[in-house]
Amino acid sequence: MAKLNILEHPDPRLREPSAPVETFDQALRTLLDDMIETLRATSAIGLAAPQVDVRRRIVVCRTDPAREPRVFINPEITGSSRPAYIEEQCLSVPGEKGLVMRPTRVSVRAHDAEGVRFHDKLEDLDAVCLHHEVDHLDGTLFIDRFSLWQRLGRTAGRLLGRRPAPSP
């Protein structure tokens, strides 16, 4: 197992959409092990393959340190409800946090590491985590979901020297 490097905004690779996983083999299992090791080495609760420079629809979530991480391959959110503002941050956007509207209940259809399809209903932090990570699979970052006022505040903060401007 290896700890993987995490891409950081504004790296353009974070904006590329991910392709579905079609082969469930040892290479996939190795990638999953590496993603889980990488996630465990951080204080984060989720990691998507694009964050480690792999353009595949793979998500690992670990919202409870007492439980094993959950793997979602080719996840499709088939329903969502109970939206709420949630304070978020992201490994790929270090130093940023903000309120984002997310569903706190989702229904998901995905595959496990062996390629077995499953359906599940997630609530609260589990739902928020999965929704955030699925955004990564589509090239969306949590800062893209900021309100107009939040985006203006980020810009003003950079102009006033409170936050570093993103490098090109």
Protein backbone atom coordinates (compact mmCIF):
# COMPACT_ATOMS: atom_id res chain seq x y z
CA MET A 1 0.00 0.00 0.00
CA ALA A 2 1.14 3.53 -0.71
CA LYS A 3 0.06 6.98 0.36
CA LEU A 4 -0.97 8.89 -2.76
CA ASN A 5 -0.35 12.57 -3.57
CA ILE A 6 -3.44 14.76 -3.40
CA LEU A 7 -4.01 17.31 -6.17
CA GLU A 8 -4.75 20.85 -5.03
CA HIS A 9 -6.86 23.63 -6.54
CA PRO A 10 -6.33 25.23 -9.03
CA ASP A 11 -4.86 22.11 -10.70
CA PRO A 12 -6.94 21.72 -13.89
CA ARG A 13 -7.02 17.93 -13.53
CA LEU A 14 -9.51 18.39 -10.69
CA ARG A 15 -11.98 19.80 -13.23
CA GLU A 16 -11.93 16.78 -15.56
CA PRO A 17 -14.89 14.39 -15.38
CA SER A 18 -14.22 10.78 -14.43
CA ALA A 19 -14.93 7.68 -16.49
CA PRO A 20 -16.80 4.66 -15.13
CA VAL A 21 -14.85 1.71 -13.78
CA GLU A 22 -15.31 -1.25 -16.10
CA THR A 23 -12.77 -3.76 -14.79
CA PHE A 24 -12.83 -5.04 -11.23
CA ASP A 25 -9.38 -6.59 -10.85
CA GLN A 26 -6.29 -6.60 -8.64
CA ALA A 27 -5.18 -3.20 -9.97
CA LEU A 28 -8.47 -1.72 -8.76
CA ARG A 29 -8.12 -3.38 -5.36
CA THR A 30 -4.58 -1.98 -5.05
CA LEU A 31 -5.85 1.51 -5.91
CA LEU A 32 -8.62 1.17 -3.32
CA ASP A 33 -6.10 0.09 -0.66
CA ASP A 34 -3.89 3.07 -1.53
CA MET A 35 -6.87 5.46 -1.41
CA ILE A 36 -7.93 4.10 1.98
CA GLU A 37 -4.37 4.46 3.32
CA THR A 38 -4.24 8.02 1.96
CA LEU A 39 -7.59 8.87 3.57
CA ARG A 40 -6.55 7.40 6.92
CA ALA A 41 -3.39 9.55 6.86
CA THR A 42 -5.57 12.69 6.88
CA SER A 43 -8.32 14.15 9.05
CA ALA A 44 -10.73 14.02 6.10
CA ILE A 45 -13.83 11.82 5.86
CA GLY A 46 -13.82 11.21 2.12
CA LEU A 47 -11.60 10.88 -0.93
CA ALA A 48 -12.44 10.64 -4.62
CA ALA A 49 -10.15 9.14 -7.24
CA PRO A 50 -9.72 12.43 -9.18
CA GLN A 51 -8.13 13.95 -6.07
CA VAL A 52 -5.28 11.44 -6.43
CA ASP A 53 -5.02 11.97 -10.20
CA VAL A 54 -7.09 8.95 -11.25
CA ARG A 55 -9.96 9.76 -13.63
CA ARG A 56 -12.27 6.94 -12.50
CA ARG A 57 -15.60 7.03 -10.65
CA ILE A 58 -14.35 5.81 -7.27
CA VAL A 59 -15.15 7.20 -3.82
CA VAL A 60 -14.01 6.16 -0.36
CA CYS A 61 -15.86 7.52 2.72
CA ARG A 62 -14.95 7.13 6.37
CA THR A 63 -17.27 9.20 8.53
CA ASP A 64 -16.81 7.05 11.63
CA PRO A 65 -13.23 6.09 12.59
CA ALA A 66 -14.61 3.01 14.40
CA ARG A 67 -15.95 1.59 11.11
CA GLU A 68 -14.14 0.43 8.01
CA PRO A 69 -14.18 2.91 5.10
CA ARG A 70 -17.01 2.46 2.59
CA VAL A 71 -16.20 2.08 -1.09
CA PHE A 72 -18.53 3.35 -3.82
CA ILE A 73 -17.56 2.51 -7.38
CA ASN A 74 -19.54 4.15 -10.19
CA PRO A 75 -21.88 5.78 -7.64
CA GLU A 76 -25.15 7.24 -8.87
CA ILE A 77 -27.21 9.35 -6.52
CA THR A 78 -30.75 8.29 -7.39
CA GLY A 79 -32.56 10.47 -4.88
CA SER A 80 -31.89 13.16 -2.32
CA SER A 81 -33.78 15.11 0.32
CA ARG A 82 -33.51 17.15 3.49
CA PRO A 83 -31.16 19.90 2.22
CA ALA A 84 -29.15 21.84 4.79
CA TYR A 85 -26.24 24.23 4.92
CA ILE A 86 -23.15 22.30 5.95
CA GLU A 87 -19.73 23.76 6.74
CA GLU A 88 -17.26 21.96 4.49
CA GLN A 89 -13.61 21.87 3.67
CA CYS A 90 -11.62 19.74 1.25
CA LEU A 91 -8.19 18.15 0.96
CA SER A 92 -7.92 19.56 -2.57
CA VAL A 93 -8.72 23.12 -1.46
CA PRO A 94 -6.52 23.55 1.63
CA GLY A 95 -7.23 26.49 3.90
CA GLU A 96 -10.76 27.05 2.59
CA LYS A 97 -14.01 26.29 4.36
CA GLY A 98 -17.52 27.50 3.86
CA LEU A 99 -21.22 26.76 4.00
CA VAL A 100 -22.56 24.61 1.20
CA MET A 101 -26.12 23.41 0.61
CA ARG A 102 -26.13 19.59 0.58
CA PRO A 103 -28.78 16.92 0.93
CA THR A 104 -28.59 15.11 4.26
CA ARG A 105 -30.39 12.07 2.85
CA VAL A 106 -29.39 10.33 -0.37
CA SER A 107 -30.20 7.12 -2.14
CA VAL A 108 -27.25 5.67 -4.00
CA ARG A 109 -26.65 2.89 -6.47
CA ALA A 110 -23.01 1.75 -6.80
CA HIS A 111 -20.67 -1.22 -7.03
CA ASP A 112 -18.43 -2.58 -4.29
CA ALA A 113 -14.77 -3.55 -4.74
CA GLU A 114 -15.76 -6.92 -6.20
CA GLY A 115 -18.10 -5.37 -8.77
CA VAL A 116 -21.31 -6.33 -6.96
CA ARG A 117 -24.01 -3.71 -7.47
CA PHE A 118 -25.79 -2.43 -4.38
CA HIS A 119 -28.35 0.18 -3.33
CA ASP A 120 -28.22 2.09 -0.08
CA LYS A 121 -29.81 5.01 1.70
CA LEU A 122 -27.43 7.32 3.54
CA GLU A 123 -28.22 10.02 6.07
CA ASP A 124 -26.54 12.95 7.74
CA LEU A 125 -22.73 13.02 7.50
CA ASP A 126 -22.62 9.86 5.36
CA ALA A 127 -24.94 11.49 2.80
CA VAL A 128 -23.05 14.79 2.84
CA CYS A 129 -19.70 13.04 2.40
CA LEU A 130 -20.87 10.95 -0.54
CA HIS A 131 -22.48 13.96 -2.24
CA HIS A 132 -19.28 16.02 -1.84
CA GLU A 133 -17.13 13.21 -3.26
CA VAL A 134 -19.49 12.53 -6.19
CA ASP A 135 -19.07 16.20 -7.09
CA HIS A 136 -15.33 15.50 -7.50
CA LEU A 137 -16.15 12.75 -9.99
CA ASP A 138 -17.90 15.37 -12.13
CA GLY A 139 -15.11 17.96 -11.82
CA THR A 140 -16.96 20.10 -9.26
CA LEU A 141 -15.32 21.46 -6.11
CA PHE A 142 -17.19 22.55 -2.98
CA ILE A 143 -16.14 26.15 -3.59
CA ASP A 144 -18.17 26.02 -6.82
CA ARG A 145 -21.26 25.64 -4.65
CA PHE A 146 -20.55 28.81 -2.65
CA SER A 147 -23.20 31.51 -2.78
CA LEU A 148 -22.52 34.74 -4.64
CA TRP A 149 -21.78 36.44 -1.30
CA GLN A 150 -19.30 33.75 -0.31
CA ARG A 151 -17.51 34.03 -3.66
CA LEU A 152 -17.37 37.82 -3.32
CA GLY A 153 -15.99 37.43 0.22
CA ARG A 154 -13.26 35.06 -1.00
CA THR A 155 -12.28 37.55 -3.71
CA ALA A 156 -12.30 40.49 -1.28
CA GLY A 157 -10.24 38.49 1.22
CA ARG A 158 -7.59 37.78 -1.41
CA LEU A 159 -7.54 41.42 -2.51
CA LEU A 160 -7.13 42.54 1.10
CA GLY A 161 -4.36 40.04 1.68
CA ARG A 162 -6.31 37.75 4.00
CA ARG A 163 -6.01 34.72 1.75
CA PRO A 164 -3.38 33.85 -0.81
CA ALA A 165 -4.45 34.03 -4.41
CA PRO A 166 -4.50 30.66 -6.16
CA SER A 167 -1.43 30.02 -8.25
CA PRO A 168 -1.96 29.64 -12.01
